mmCIF file of all heavy atoms, coordinates in Angstrom:
data_MODEL
# 
_entry.id   MODEL 
# 
loop_
_atom_site.group_PDB 
_atom_site.id 
_atom_site.type_symbol 
_atom_site.label_atom_id 
_atom_site.label_alt_id 
_atom_site.label_comp_id 
_atom_site.label_asym_id 
_atom_site.label_entity_id 
_atom_site.label_seq_id 
_atom_site.pdbx_PDB_ins_code 
_atom_site.Cartn_x 
_atom_site.Cartn_y 
_atom_site.Cartn_z 
_atom_site.occupancy 
_atom_site.B_iso_or_equiv 
_atom_site.pdbx_formal_charge 
_atom_site.auth_seq_id 
_atom_site.auth_comp_id 
_atom_site.auth_asym_id 
_atom_site.auth_atom_id 
_atom_site.pdbx_PDB_model_num 
ATOM 1   N N   . LYS A 1 1  ? -9.391  2.436  -7.126  1.00 0.00 ? 1  LYS A N   1 
ATOM 2   C CA  . LYS A 1 1  ? -7.996  2.817  -7.000  1.00 0.00 ? 1  LYS A CA  1 
ATOM 3   C C   . LYS A 1 1  ? -7.097  1.571  -7.086  1.00 0.00 ? 1  LYS A C   1 
ATOM 4   O O   . LYS A 1 1  ? -6.108  1.546  -7.828  1.00 0.00 ? 1  LYS A O   1 
ATOM 5   C CB  . LYS A 1 1  ? -7.767  3.593  -5.709  1.00 0.00 ? 1  LYS A CB  1 
ATOM 6   C CG  . LYS A 1 1  ? -6.289  3.917  -5.440  1.00 0.00 ? 1  LYS A CG  1 
ATOM 7   C CD  . LYS A 1 1  ? -6.089  4.509  -4.028  1.00 0.00 ? 1  LYS A CD  1 
ATOM 8   C CE  . LYS A 1 1  ? -4.650  4.407  -3.620  1.00 0.00 ? 1  LYS A CE  1 
ATOM 9   N NZ  . LYS A 1 1  ? -4.467  4.806  -2.215  1.00 0.00 ? 1  LYS A NZ  1 
ATOM 10  N N   . HIS A 1 2  ? -7.401  0.553  -6.278  1.00 0.00 ? 2  HIS A N   1 
ATOM 11  C CA  . HIS A 1 2  ? -6.559  -0.624 -6.215  1.00 0.00 ? 2  HIS A CA  1 
ATOM 12  C C   . HIS A 1 2  ? -6.679  -1.487 -7.443  1.00 0.00 ? 2  HIS A C   1 
ATOM 13  O O   . HIS A 1 2  ? -5.661  -2.097 -7.863  1.00 0.00 ? 2  HIS A O   1 
ATOM 14  C CB  . HIS A 1 2  ? -6.815  -1.413 -4.966  1.00 0.00 ? 2  HIS A CB  1 
ATOM 15  C CG  . HIS A 1 2  ? -6.230  -0.737 -3.708  1.00 0.00 ? 2  HIS A CG  1 
ATOM 16  N ND1 . HIS A 1 2  ? -6.953  0.232  -3.087  1.00 0.00 ? 2  HIS A ND1 1 
ATOM 17  C CD2 . HIS A 1 2  ? -5.029  -0.753 -3.176  1.00 0.00 ? 2  HIS A CD2 1 
ATOM 18  C CE1 . HIS A 1 2  ? -6.209  0.719  -2.082  1.00 0.00 ? 2  HIS A CE1 1 
ATOM 19  N NE2 . HIS A 1 2  ? -5.047  0.156  -2.126  1.00 0.00 ? 2  HIS A NE2 1 
ATOM 20  N N   . LYS A 1 3  ? -7.819  -1.527 -8.100  1.00 0.00 ? 3  LYS A N   1 
ATOM 21  C CA  . LYS A 1 3  ? -7.937  -2.294 -9.333  1.00 0.00 ? 3  LYS A CA  1 
ATOM 22  C C   . LYS A 1 3  ? -7.135  -1.563 -10.479 1.00 0.00 ? 3  LYS A C   1 
ATOM 23  O O   . LYS A 1 3  ? -6.476  -2.219 -11.274 1.00 0.00 ? 3  LYS A O   1 
ATOM 24  C CB  . LYS A 1 3  ? -9.382  -2.450 -9.742  1.00 0.00 ? 3  LYS A CB  1 
ATOM 25  C CG  . LYS A 1 3  ? -10.216 -3.449 -8.916  1.00 0.00 ? 3  LYS A CG  1 
ATOM 26  C CD  . LYS A 1 3  ? -9.592  -4.847 -8.888  1.00 0.00 ? 3  LYS A CD  1 
ATOM 27  C CE  . LYS A 1 3  ? -9.804  -5.663 -10.179 1.00 0.00 ? 3  LYS A CE  1 
ATOM 28  N NZ  . LYS A 1 3  ? -9.237  -7.015 -10.121 1.00 0.00 ? 3  LYS A NZ  1 
ATOM 29  N N   . PHE A 1 4  ? -7.199  -0.247 -10.446 1.00 0.00 ? 4  PHE A N   1 
ATOM 30  C CA  . PHE A 1 4  ? -6.441  0.585  -11.416 1.00 0.00 ? 4  PHE A CA  1 
ATOM 31  C C   . PHE A 1 4  ? -4.914  0.312  -11.225 1.00 0.00 ? 4  PHE A C   1 
ATOM 32  O O   . PHE A 1 4  ? -4.203  0.014  -12.180 1.00 0.00 ? 4  PHE A O   1 
ATOM 33  C CB  . PHE A 1 4  ? -6.743  2.055  -11.256 1.00 0.00 ? 4  PHE A CB  1 
ATOM 34  C CG  . PHE A 1 4  ? -5.974  2.959  -12.109 1.00 0.00 ? 4  PHE A CG  1 
ATOM 35  C CD1 . PHE A 1 4  ? -6.261  3.175  -13.465 1.00 0.00 ? 4  PHE A CD1 1 
ATOM 36  C CD2 . PHE A 1 4  ? -4.780  3.573  -11.620 1.00 0.00 ? 4  PHE A CD2 1 
ATOM 37  C CE1 . PHE A 1 4  ? -5.475  3.982  -14.267 1.00 0.00 ? 4  PHE A CE1 1 
ATOM 38  C CE2 . PHE A 1 4  ? -3.995  4.366  -12.435 1.00 0.00 ? 4  PHE A CE2 1 
ATOM 39  C CZ  . PHE A 1 4  ? -4.342  4.547  -13.749 1.00 0.00 ? 4  PHE A CZ  1 
ATOM 40  N N   . LEU A 1 5  ? -4.464  0.479  -9.981  1.00 0.00 ? 5  LEU A N   1 
ATOM 41  C CA  . LEU A 1 5  ? -3.004  0.295  -9.734  1.00 0.00 ? 5  LEU A CA  1 
ATOM 42  C C   . LEU A 1 5  ? -2.549  -1.106 -10.069 1.00 0.00 ? 5  LEU A C   1 
ATOM 43  O O   . LEU A 1 5  ? -1.470  -1.341 -10.650 1.00 0.00 ? 5  LEU A O   1 
ATOM 44  C CB  . LEU A 1 5  ? -2.714  0.539  -8.231  1.00 0.00 ? 5  LEU A CB  1 
ATOM 45  C CG  . LEU A 1 5  ? -2.807  2.012  -7.782  1.00 0.00 ? 5  LEU A CG  1 
ATOM 46  C CD1 . LEU A 1 5  ? -2.663  2.089  -6.251  1.00 0.00 ? 5  LEU A CD1 1 
ATOM 47  C CD2 . LEU A 1 5  ? -1.682  2.805  -8.432  1.00 0.00 ? 5  LEU A CD2 1 
ATOM 48  N N   . HIS A 1 6  ? -3.432  -2.090 -9.791  1.00 0.00 ? 6  HIS A N   1 
ATOM 49  C CA  . HIS A 1 6  ? -3.113  -3.493 -10.045 1.00 0.00 ? 6  HIS A CA  1 
ATOM 50  C C   . HIS A 1 6  ? -3.016  -3.769 -11.533 1.00 0.00 ? 6  HIS A C   1 
ATOM 51  O O   . HIS A 1 6  ? -2.098  -4.377 -12.072 1.00 0.00 ? 6  HIS A O   1 
ATOM 52  C CB  . HIS A 1 6  ? -4.185  -4.385 -9.381  1.00 0.00 ? 6  HIS A CB  1 
ATOM 53  C CG  . HIS A 1 6  ? -3.828  -5.810 -9.379  1.00 0.00 ? 6  HIS A CG  1 
ATOM 54  N ND1 . HIS A 1 6  ? -2.859  -6.310 -8.500  1.00 0.00 ? 6  HIS A ND1 1 
ATOM 55  C CD2 . HIS A 1 6  ? -4.285  -6.809 -10.152 1.00 0.00 ? 6  HIS A CD2 1 
ATOM 56  C CE1 . HIS A 1 6  ? -2.794  -7.592 -8.749  1.00 0.00 ? 6  HIS A CE1 1 
ATOM 57  N NE2 . HIS A 1 6  ? -3.649  -7.970 -9.766  1.00 0.00 ? 6  HIS A NE2 1 
ATOM 58  N N   . PHE A 1 7  ? -4.009  -3.209 -12.291 1.00 0.00 ? 7  PHE A N   1 
ATOM 59  C CA  . PHE A 1 7  ? -4.134  -3.492 -13.665 1.00 0.00 ? 7  PHE A CA  1 
ATOM 60  C C   . PHE A 1 7  ? -3.159  -2.767 -14.554 1.00 0.00 ? 7  PHE A C   1 
ATOM 61  O O   . PHE A 1 7  ? -2.517  -3.280 -15.453 1.00 0.00 ? 7  PHE A O   1 
ATOM 62  C CB  . PHE A 1 7  ? -5.590  -3.238 -14.135 1.00 0.00 ? 7  PHE A CB  1 
ATOM 63  C CG  . PHE A 1 7  ? -5.956  -3.831 -15.472 1.00 0.00 ? 7  PHE A CG  1 
ATOM 64  C CD1 . PHE A 1 7  ? -6.195  -5.189 -15.579 1.00 0.00 ? 7  PHE A CD1 1 
ATOM 65  C CD2 . PHE A 1 7  ? -5.987  -3.072 -16.622 1.00 0.00 ? 7  PHE A CD2 1 
ATOM 66  C CE1 . PHE A 1 7  ? -6.533  -5.760 -16.818 1.00 0.00 ? 7  PHE A CE1 1 
ATOM 67  C CE2 . PHE A 1 7  ? -6.325  -3.608 -17.841 1.00 0.00 ? 7  PHE A CE2 1 
ATOM 68  C CZ  . PHE A 1 7  ? -6.537  -4.971 -17.946 1.00 0.00 ? 7  PHE A CZ  1 
ATOM 69  N N   . PHE A 1 8  ? -3.081  -1.447 -14.313 1.00 0.00 ? 8  PHE A N   1 
ATOM 70  C CA  . PHE A 1 8  ? -2.265  -0.597 -15.103 1.00 0.00 ? 8  PHE A CA  1 
ATOM 71  C C   . PHE A 1 8  ? -0.805  -0.426 -14.664 1.00 0.00 ? 8  PHE A C   1 
ATOM 72  O O   . PHE A 1 8  ? 0.101   -0.242 -15.414 1.00 0.00 ? 8  PHE A O   1 
ATOM 73  C CB  . PHE A 1 8  ? -2.884  0.788  -15.321 1.00 0.00 ? 8  PHE A CB  1 
ATOM 74  C CG  . PHE A 1 8  ? -4.162  0.731  -16.117 1.00 0.00 ? 8  PHE A CG  1 
ATOM 75  C CD1 . PHE A 1 8  ? -5.397  0.847  -15.438 1.00 0.00 ? 8  PHE A CD1 1 
ATOM 76  C CD2 . PHE A 1 8  ? -4.156  0.570  -17.497 1.00 0.00 ? 8  PHE A CD2 1 
ATOM 77  C CE1 . PHE A 1 8  ? -6.566  0.755  -16.184 1.00 0.00 ? 8  PHE A CE1 1 
ATOM 78  C CE2 . PHE A 1 8  ? -5.351  0.453  -18.189 1.00 0.00 ? 8  PHE A CE2 1 
ATOM 79  C CZ  . PHE A 1 8  ? -6.551  0.568  -17.566 1.00 0.00 ? 8  PHE A CZ  1 
ATOM 80  N N   . LYS A 1 9  ? -0.604  -0.495 -13.342 1.00 0.00 ? 9  LYS A N   1 
ATOM 81  C CA  . LYS A 1 9  ? 0.715   -0.222 -12.814 1.00 0.00 ? 9  LYS A CA  1 
ATOM 82  C C   . LYS A 1 9  ? 1.399   -1.480 -12.278 1.00 0.00 ? 9  LYS A C   1 
ATOM 83  O O   . LYS A 1 9  ? 2.530   -1.466 -11.792 1.00 0.00 ? 9  LYS A O   1 
ATOM 84  C CB  . LYS A 1 9  ? 0.701   0.812  -11.659 1.00 0.00 ? 9  LYS A CB  1 
ATOM 85  C CG  . LYS A 1 9  ? -0.050  2.104  -12.027 1.00 0.00 ? 9  LYS A CG  1 
ATOM 86  C CD  . LYS A 1 9  ? 0.813   3.085  -12.714 1.00 0.00 ? 9  LYS A CD  1 
ATOM 87  C CE  . LYS A 1 9  ? 0.062   4.456  -12.892 1.00 0.00 ? 9  LYS A CE  1 
ATOM 88  N NZ  . LYS A 1 9  ? 0.876   5.380  -13.655 1.00 0.00 ? 9  LYS A NZ  1 
ATOM 89  N N   . GLU A 1 10 ? 0.693   -2.597 -12.271 1.00 0.00 ? 10 GLU A N   1 
ATOM 90  C CA  . GLU A 1 10 ? 1.110   -3.828 -11.706 1.00 0.00 ? 10 GLU A CA  1 
ATOM 91  C C   . GLU A 1 10 ? 1.605   -3.682 -10.268 1.00 0.00 ? 10 GLU A C   1 
ATOM 92  O O   . GLU A 1 10 ? 2.545   -4.260 -9.819  1.00 0.00 ? 10 GLU A O   1 
ATOM 93  C CB  . GLU A 1 10 ? 2.186   -4.462 -12.585 1.00 0.00 ? 10 GLU A CB  1 
ATOM 94  C CG  . GLU A 1 10 ? 1.673   -4.870 -13.910 1.00 0.00 ? 10 GLU A CG  1 
ATOM 95  C CD  . GLU A 1 10 ? 2.676   -5.679 -14.745 1.00 0.00 ? 10 GLU A CD  1 
ATOM 96  O OE1 . GLU A 1 10 ? 3.775   -5.845 -14.285 1.00 0.00 ? 10 GLU A OE1 1 
ATOM 97  O OE2 . GLU A 1 10 ? 2.292   -6.105 -15.874 1.00 0.00 ? 10 GLU A OE2 1 
ATOM 98  N N   . LYS A 1 11 ? 0.873   -2.805 -9.553  1.00 0.00 ? 11 LYS A N   1 
ATOM 99  C CA  . LYS A 1 11 ? 1.213   -2.536 -8.143  1.00 0.00 ? 11 LYS A CA  1 
ATOM 100 C C   . LYS A 1 11 ? 0.256   -3.343 -7.229  1.00 0.00 ? 11 LYS A C   1 
ATOM 101 O O   . LYS A 1 11 ? -0.973  -3.331 -7.437  1.00 0.00 ? 11 LYS A O   1 
ATOM 102 C CB  . LYS A 1 11 ? 1.007   -1.055 -7.809  1.00 0.00 ? 11 LYS A CB  1 
ATOM 103 C CG  . LYS A 1 11 ? 2.234   -0.222 -7.968  1.00 0.00 ? 11 LYS A CG  1 
ATOM 104 C CD  . LYS A 1 11 ? 2.028   1.112  -7.359  1.00 0.00 ? 11 LYS A CD  1 
ATOM 105 C CE  . LYS A 1 11 ? 3.282   1.928  -7.278  1.00 0.00 ? 11 LYS A CE  1 
ATOM 106 N NZ  . LYS A 1 11 ? 3.007   3.304  -6.809  1.00 0.00 ? 11 LYS A NZ  1 
ATOM 107 N N   . LYS A 1 12 ? 0.822   -3.997 -6.269  1.00 0.00 ? 12 LYS A N   1 
ATOM 108 C CA  . LYS A 1 12 ? -0.028  -4.798 -5.316  1.00 0.00 ? 12 LYS A CA  1 
ATOM 109 C C   . LYS A 1 12 ? -0.424  -3.909 -4.150  1.00 0.00 ? 12 LYS A C   1 
ATOM 110 O O   . LYS A 1 12 ? 0.261   -2.891 -3.820  1.00 0.00 ? 12 LYS A O   1 
ATOM 111 C CB  . LYS A 1 12 ? 0.787   -6.031 -4.829  1.00 0.00 ? 12 LYS A CB  1 
ATOM 112 C CG  . LYS A 1 12 ? 0.923   -7.096 -5.893  1.00 0.00 ? 12 LYS A CG  1 
ATOM 113 C CD  . LYS A 1 12 ? 1.320   -8.389 -5.211  1.00 0.00 ? 12 LYS A CD  1 
ATOM 114 C CE  . LYS A 1 12 ? 1.309   -9.573 -6.194  1.00 0.00 ? 12 LYS A CE  1 
ATOM 115 N NZ  . LYS A 1 12 ? -0.003  -9.896 -6.692  1.00 0.00 ? 12 LYS A NZ  1 
ATOM 116 N N   . TYR A 1 13 ? -1.491  -4.327 -3.520  1.00 0.00 ? 13 TYR A N   1 
ATOM 117 C CA  . TYR A 1 13 ? -1.890  -3.659 -2.232  1.00 0.00 ? 13 TYR A CA  1 
ATOM 118 C C   . TYR A 1 13 ? -0.789  -3.832 -1.176  1.00 0.00 ? 13 TYR A C   1 
ATOM 119 O O   . TYR A 1 13 ? -0.197  -4.913 -1.045  1.00 0.00 ? 13 TYR A O   1 
ATOM 120 C CB  . TYR A 1 13 ? -3.233  -4.247 -1.732  1.00 0.00 ? 13 TYR A CB  1 
ATOM 121 C CG  . TYR A 1 13 ? -3.500  -3.879 -0.275  1.00 0.00 ? 13 TYR A CG  1 
ATOM 122 C CD1 . TYR A 1 13 ? -4.110  -2.692 0.029   1.00 0.00 ? 13 TYR A CD1 1 
ATOM 123 C CD2 . TYR A 1 13 ? -3.165  -4.759 0.799   1.00 0.00 ? 13 TYR A CD2 1 
ATOM 124 C CE1 . TYR A 1 13 ? -4.352  -2.354 1.364   1.00 0.00 ? 13 TYR A CE1 1 
ATOM 125 C CE2 . TYR A 1 13 ? -3.400  -4.419 2.069   1.00 0.00 ? 13 TYR A CE2 1 
ATOM 126 C CZ  . TYR A 1 13 ? -4.062  -3.186 2.400   1.00 0.00 ? 13 TYR A CZ  1 
ATOM 127 O OH  . TYR A 1 13 ? -4.251  -2.832 3.696   1.00 0.00 ? 13 TYR A OH  1 
ATOM 128 N N   . SER A 1 14 ? -0.554  -2.794 -0.417  1.00 0.00 ? 14 SER A N   1 
ATOM 129 C CA  . SER A 1 14 ? 0.393   -2.896 0.670   1.00 0.00 ? 14 SER A CA  1 
ATOM 130 C C   . SER A 1 14 ? -0.237  -2.453 2.031   1.00 0.00 ? 14 SER A C   1 
ATOM 131 O O   . SER A 1 14 ? -0.903  -1.404 2.022   1.00 0.00 ? 14 SER A O   1 
ATOM 132 C CB  . SER A 1 14 ? 1.628   -2.004 0.404   1.00 0.00 ? 14 SER A CB  1 
ATOM 133 O OG  . SER A 1 14 ? 2.404   -1.847 1.597   1.00 0.00 ? 14 SER A OG  1 
ATOM 134 N N   . MET A 1 15 ? 0.021   -3.212 3.087   1.00 0.00 ? 15 MET A N   1 
ATOM 135 C CA  . MET A 1 15 ? -0.506  -2.799 4.395   1.00 0.00 ? 15 MET A CA  1 
ATOM 136 C C   . MET A 1 15 ? 0.094   -1.495 4.880   1.00 0.00 ? 15 MET A C   1 
ATOM 137 O O   . MET A 1 15 ? -0.479  -0.803 5.717   1.00 0.00 ? 15 MET A O   1 
ATOM 138 C CB  . MET A 1 15 ? -0.286  -3.947 5.405   1.00 0.00 ? 15 MET A CB  1 
ATOM 139 C CG  . MET A 1 15 ? 1.197   -4.215 5.741   1.00 0.00 ? 15 MET A CG  1 
ATOM 140 S SD  . MET A 1 15 ? 1.313   -5.698 6.678   1.00 0.00 ? 15 MET A SD  1 
ATOM 141 C CE  . MET A 1 15 ? 2.932   -5.508 7.397   1.00 0.00 ? 15 MET A CE  1 
ATOM 142 N N   . TYR A 1 16 ? 1.181   -1.064 4.251   1.00 0.00 ? 16 TYR A N   1 
ATOM 143 C CA  . TYR A 1 16 ? 1.867   0.183  4.676   1.00 0.00 ? 16 TYR A CA  1 
ATOM 144 C C   . TYR A 1 16 ? 1.160   1.370  4.154   1.00 0.00 ? 16 TYR A C   1 
ATOM 145 O O   . TYR A 1 16 ? 1.561   2.494  4.418   1.00 0.00 ? 16 TYR A O   1 
ATOM 146 C CB  . TYR A 1 16 ? 3.341   0.134  4.297   1.00 0.00 ? 16 TYR A CB  1 
ATOM 147 C CG  . TYR A 1 16 ? 4.067   -0.940 4.977   1.00 0.00 ? 16 TYR A CG  1 
ATOM 148 C CD1 . TYR A 1 16 ? 4.596   -2.036 4.289   1.00 0.00 ? 16 TYR A CD1 1 
ATOM 149 C CD2 . TYR A 1 16 ? 4.246   -0.864 6.362   1.00 0.00 ? 16 TYR A CD2 1 
ATOM 150 C CE1 . TYR A 1 16 ? 5.258   -3.076 4.982   1.00 0.00 ? 16 TYR A CE1 1 
ATOM 151 C CE2 . TYR A 1 16 ? 4.933   -1.915 7.085   1.00 0.00 ? 16 TYR A CE2 1 
ATOM 152 C CZ  . TYR A 1 16 ? 5.359   -2.978 6.370   1.00 0.00 ? 16 TYR A CZ  1 
ATOM 153 O OH  . TYR A 1 16 ? 6.032   -4.002 7.057   1.00 0.00 ? 16 TYR A OH  1 
ATOM 154 N N   . GLU A 1 17 ? 0.018   1.205  3.421   1.00 0.00 ? 17 GLU A N   1 
ATOM 155 C CA  . GLU A 1 17 ? -0.799  2.323  3.098   1.00 0.00 ? 17 GLU A CA  1 
ATOM 156 C C   . GLU A 1 17 ? -1.409  2.985  4.326   1.00 0.00 ? 17 GLU A C   1 
ATOM 157 O O   . GLU A 1 17 ? -1.796  4.109  4.343   1.00 0.00 ? 17 GLU A O   1 
ATOM 158 C CB  . GLU A 1 17 ? -1.982  1.856  2.208   1.00 0.00 ? 17 GLU A CB  1 
ATOM 159 C CG  . GLU A 1 17 ? -1.583  1.439  0.811   1.00 0.00 ? 17 GLU A CG  1 
ATOM 160 C CD  . GLU A 1 17 ? -2.780  0.876  0.048   1.00 0.00 ? 17 GLU A CD  1 
ATOM 161 O OE1 . GLU A 1 17 ? -3.936  1.127  0.434   1.00 0.00 ? 17 GLU A OE1 1 
ATOM 162 O OE2 . GLU A 1 17 ? -2.587  0.164  -0.992  1.00 0.00 ? 17 GLU A OE2 1 
ATOM 163 N N   . LEU A 1 18 ? -1.562  2.148  5.375   1.00 0.00 ? 18 LEU A N   1 
ATOM 164 C CA  . LEU A 1 18 ? -2.142  2.586  6.622   1.00 0.00 ? 18 LEU A CA  1 
ATOM 165 C C   . LEU A 1 18 ? -1.049  3.247  7.481   1.00 0.00 ? 18 LEU A C   1 
ATOM 166 O O   . LEU A 1 18 ? -0.056  2.644  7.750   1.00 0.00 ? 18 LEU A O   1 
ATOM 167 C CB  . LEU A 1 18 ? -2.770  1.440  7.416   1.00 0.00 ? 18 LEU A CB  1 
ATOM 168 C CG  . LEU A 1 18 ? -4.026  0.826  6.757   1.00 0.00 ? 18 LEU A CG  1 
ATOM 169 C CD1 . LEU A 1 18 ? -4.302  -0.538 7.238   1.00 0.00 ? 18 LEU A CD1 1 
ATOM 170 C CD2 . LEU A 1 18 ? -5.235  1.763  7.010   1.00 0.00 ? 18 LEU A CD2 1 
ATOM 171 N N   . PRO A 1 19 ? -1.254  4.517  7.875   1.00 0.00 ? 19 PRO A N   1 
ATOM 172 C CA  . PRO A 1 19 ? -0.201  5.235  8.610   1.00 0.00 ? 19 PRO A CA  1 
ATOM 173 C C   . PRO A 1 19 ? 0.281   4.583  9.835   1.00 0.00 ? 19 PRO A C   1 
ATOM 174 O O   . PRO A 1 19 ? 1.514   4.604  10.136  1.00 0.00 ? 19 PRO A O   1 
ATOM 175 C CB  . PRO A 1 19 ? -0.935  6.614  8.943   1.00 0.00 ? 19 PRO A CB  1 
ATOM 176 C CG  . PRO A 1 19 ? -2.030  6.722  7.912   1.00 0.00 ? 19 PRO A CG  1 
ATOM 177 C CD  . PRO A 1 19 ? -2.467  5.347  7.555   1.00 0.00 ? 19 PRO A CD  1 
ATOM 178 N N   . ALA A 1 20 ? -0.640  3.919  10.597  1.00 0.00 ? 20 ALA A N   1 
ATOM 179 C CA  . ALA A 1 20 ? -0.189  3.348  11.839  1.00 0.00 ? 20 ALA A CA  1 
ATOM 180 C C   . ALA A 1 20 ? 0.743   2.133  11.585  1.00 0.00 ? 20 ALA A C   1 
ATOM 181 O O   . ALA A 1 20 ? 1.683   1.874  12.361  1.00 0.00 ? 20 ALA A O   1 
ATOM 182 C CB  . ALA A 1 20 ? -1.409  2.810  12.638  1.00 0.00 ? 20 ALA A CB  1 
ATOM 183 N N   . VAL A 1 21 ? 0.500   1.426  10.491  1.00 0.00 ? 21 VAL A N   1 
ATOM 184 C CA  . VAL A 1 21 ? 1.395   0.263  10.139  1.00 0.00 ? 21 VAL A CA  1 
ATOM 185 C C   . VAL A 1 21 ? 2.788   0.802  9.776   1.00 0.00 ? 21 VAL A C   1 
ATOM 186 O O   . VAL A 1 21 ? 3.794   0.222  10.226  1.00 0.00 ? 21 VAL A O   1 
ATOM 187 C CB  . VAL A 1 21 ? 0.787   -0.525 8.956   1.00 0.00 ? 21 VAL A CB  1 
ATOM 188 C CG1 . VAL A 1 21 ? 1.625   -1.735 8.655   1.00 0.00 ? 21 VAL A CG1 1 
ATOM 189 C CG2 . VAL A 1 21 ? -0.640  -1.002 9.338   1.00 0.00 ? 21 VAL A CG2 1 
ATOM 190 N N   . ARG A 1 22 ? 2.795   1.911  9.023   1.00 0.00 ? 22 ARG A N   1 
ATOM 191 C CA  . ARG A 1 22 ? 4.113   2.515  8.674   1.00 0.00 ? 22 ARG A CA  1 
ATOM 192 C C   . ARG A 1 22 ? 4.836   3.021  9.937   1.00 0.00 ? 22 ARG A C   1 
ATOM 193 O O   . ARG A 1 22 ? 6.015   2.836  10.168  1.00 0.00 ? 22 ARG A O   1 
ATOM 194 C CB  . ARG A 1 22 ? 3.916   3.696  7.730   1.00 0.00 ? 22 ARG A CB  1 
ATOM 195 C CG  . ARG A 1 22 ? 3.574   3.342  6.354   1.00 0.00 ? 22 ARG A CG  1 
ATOM 196 C CD  . ARG A 1 22 ? 3.840   4.524  5.370   1.00 0.00 ? 22 ARG A CD  1 
ATOM 197 N NE  . ARG A 1 22 ? 3.190   5.780  5.745   1.00 0.00 ? 22 ARG A NE  1 
ATOM 198 C CZ  . ARG A 1 22 ? 1.889   6.040  5.385   1.00 0.00 ? 22 ARG A CZ  1 
ATOM 199 N NH1 . ARG A 1 22 ? 1.208   5.185  4.669   1.00 0.00 ? 22 ARG A NH1 1 
ATOM 200 N NH2 . ARG A 1 22 ? 1.375   7.174  5.721   1.00 0.00 ? 22 ARG A NH2 1 
ATOM 201 N N   . ASP A 1 23 ? 4.074   3.708  10.823  1.00 0.00 ? 23 ASP A N   1 
ATOM 202 C CA  . ASP A 1 23 ? 4.670   4.330  12.036  1.00 0.00 ? 23 ASP A CA  1 
ATOM 203 C C   . ASP A 1 23 ? 5.229   3.248  12.963  1.00 0.00 ? 23 ASP A C   1 
ATOM 204 O O   . ASP A 1 23 ? 6.283   3.459  13.543  1.00 0.00 ? 23 ASP A O   1 
ATOM 205 C CB  . ASP A 1 23 ? 3.614   5.135  12.763  1.00 0.00 ? 23 ASP A CB  1 
ATOM 206 C CG  . ASP A 1 23 ? 3.276   6.455  12.067  1.00 0.00 ? 23 ASP A CG  1 
ATOM 207 O OD1 . ASP A 1 23 ? 3.988   6.766  11.074  1.00 0.00 ? 23 ASP A OD1 1 
ATOM 208 O OD2 . ASP A 1 23 ? 2.252   7.074  12.423  1.00 0.00 ? 23 ASP A OD2 1 
ATOM 209 N N   . TYR A 1 24 ? 4.596   2.124  13.024  1.00 0.00 ? 24 TYR A N   1 
ATOM 210 C CA  . TYR A 1 24 ? 5.071   1.002  13.869  1.00 0.00 ? 24 TYR A CA  1 
ATOM 211 C C   . TYR A 1 24 ? 6.392   0.462  13.247  1.00 0.00 ? 24 TYR A C   1 
ATOM 212 O O   . TYR A 1 24 ? 7.337   0.223  13.966  1.00 0.00 ? 24 TYR A O   1 
ATOM 213 C CB  . TYR A 1 24 ? 4.011   -0.073 14.032  1.00 0.00 ? 24 TYR A CB  1 
ATOM 214 C CG  . TYR A 1 24 ? 4.448   -1.199 14.910  1.00 0.00 ? 24 TYR A CG  1 
ATOM 215 C CD1 . TYR A 1 24 ? 4.727   -0.990 16.282  1.00 0.00 ? 24 TYR A CD1 1 
ATOM 216 C CD2 . TYR A 1 24 ? 4.693   -2.482 14.438  1.00 0.00 ? 24 TYR A CD2 1 
ATOM 217 C CE1 . TYR A 1 24 ? 5.121   -2.010 17.133  1.00 0.00 ? 24 TYR A CE1 1 
ATOM 218 C CE2 . TYR A 1 24 ? 5.086   -3.530 15.242  1.00 0.00 ? 24 TYR A CE2 1 
ATOM 219 C CZ  . TYR A 1 24 ? 5.314   -3.289 16.586  1.00 0.00 ? 24 TYR A CZ  1 
ATOM 220 O OH  . TYR A 1 24 ? 5.756   -4.281 17.448  1.00 0.00 ? 24 TYR A OH  1 
ATOM 221 N N   . ARG A 1 25 ? 6.334   0.258  11.993  1.00 0.00 ? 25 ARG A N   1 
ATOM 222 C CA  . ARG A 1 25 ? 7.561   -0.266 11.294  1.00 0.00 ? 25 ARG A CA  1 
ATOM 223 C C   . ARG A 1 25 ? 8.756   0.719  11.489  1.00 0.00 ? 25 ARG A C   1 
ATOM 224 O O   . ARG A 1 25 ? 9.898   0.278  11.693  1.00 0.00 ? 25 ARG A O   1 
ATOM 225 C CB  . ARG A 1 25 ? 7.278   -0.369 9.731   1.00 0.00 ? 25 ARG A CB  1 
ATOM 226 C CG  . ARG A 1 25 ? 8.464   -0.808 8.920   1.00 0.00 ? 25 ARG A CG  1 
ATOM 227 C CD  . ARG A 1 25 ? 8.218   -0.544 7.422   1.00 0.00 ? 25 ARG A CD  1 
ATOM 228 N NE  . ARG A 1 25 ? 8.055   0.889  7.148   1.00 0.00 ? 25 ARG A NE  1 
ATOM 229 C CZ  . ARG A 1 25 ? 7.631   1.358  5.943   1.00 0.00 ? 25 ARG A CZ  1 
ATOM 230 N NH1 . ARG A 1 25 ? 7.350   0.516  4.988   1.00 0.00 ? 25 ARG A NH1 1 
ATOM 231 N NH2 . ARG A 1 25 ? 7.513   2.658  5.798   1.00 0.00 ? 25 ARG A NH2 1 
ATOM 232 N N   . ASP A 1 26 ? 8.452   2.005  11.412  1.00 0.00 ? 26 ASP A N   1 
ATOM 233 C CA  . ASP A 1 26 ? 9.507   3.016  11.498  1.00 0.00 ? 26 ASP A CA  1 
ATOM 234 C C   . ASP A 1 26 ? 9.848   3.426  12.939  1.00 0.00 ? 26 ASP A C   1 
ATOM 235 O O   . ASP A 1 26 ? 10.666  4.355  13.139  1.00 0.00 ? 26 ASP A O   1 
ATOM 236 C CB  . ASP A 1 26 ? 9.049   4.286  10.740  1.00 0.00 ? 26 ASP A CB  1 
ATOM 237 C CG  . ASP A 1 26 ? 8.843   3.977  9.212   1.00 0.00 ? 26 ASP A CG  1 
ATOM 238 O OD1 . ASP A 1 26 ? 9.371   2.947  8.772   1.00 0.00 ? 26 ASP A OD1 1 
ATOM 239 O OD2 . ASP A 1 26 ? 8.131   4.709  8.553   1.00 0.00 ? 26 ASP A OD2 1 
ATOM 240 N N   . GLY A 1 27 ? 9.270   2.748  13.915  1.00 0.00 ? 27 GLY A N   1 
ATOM 241 C CA  . GLY A 1 27 ? 9.591   3.008  15.299  1.00 0.00 ? 27 GLY A CA  1 
ATOM 242 C C   . GLY A 1 27 ? 9.037   4.269  15.886  1.00 0.00 ? 27 GLY A C   1 
ATOM 243 O O   . GLY A 1 27 ? 9.385   4.681  16.965  1.00 0.00 ? 27 GLY A O   1 
# 
């Protein structure tokens, strides 16, 4: 998945893929 996103969509990995990391950021 991440190699595909990186290669074809030029999308980098983000730690916010993990729900807890998002939830902490969002309070």
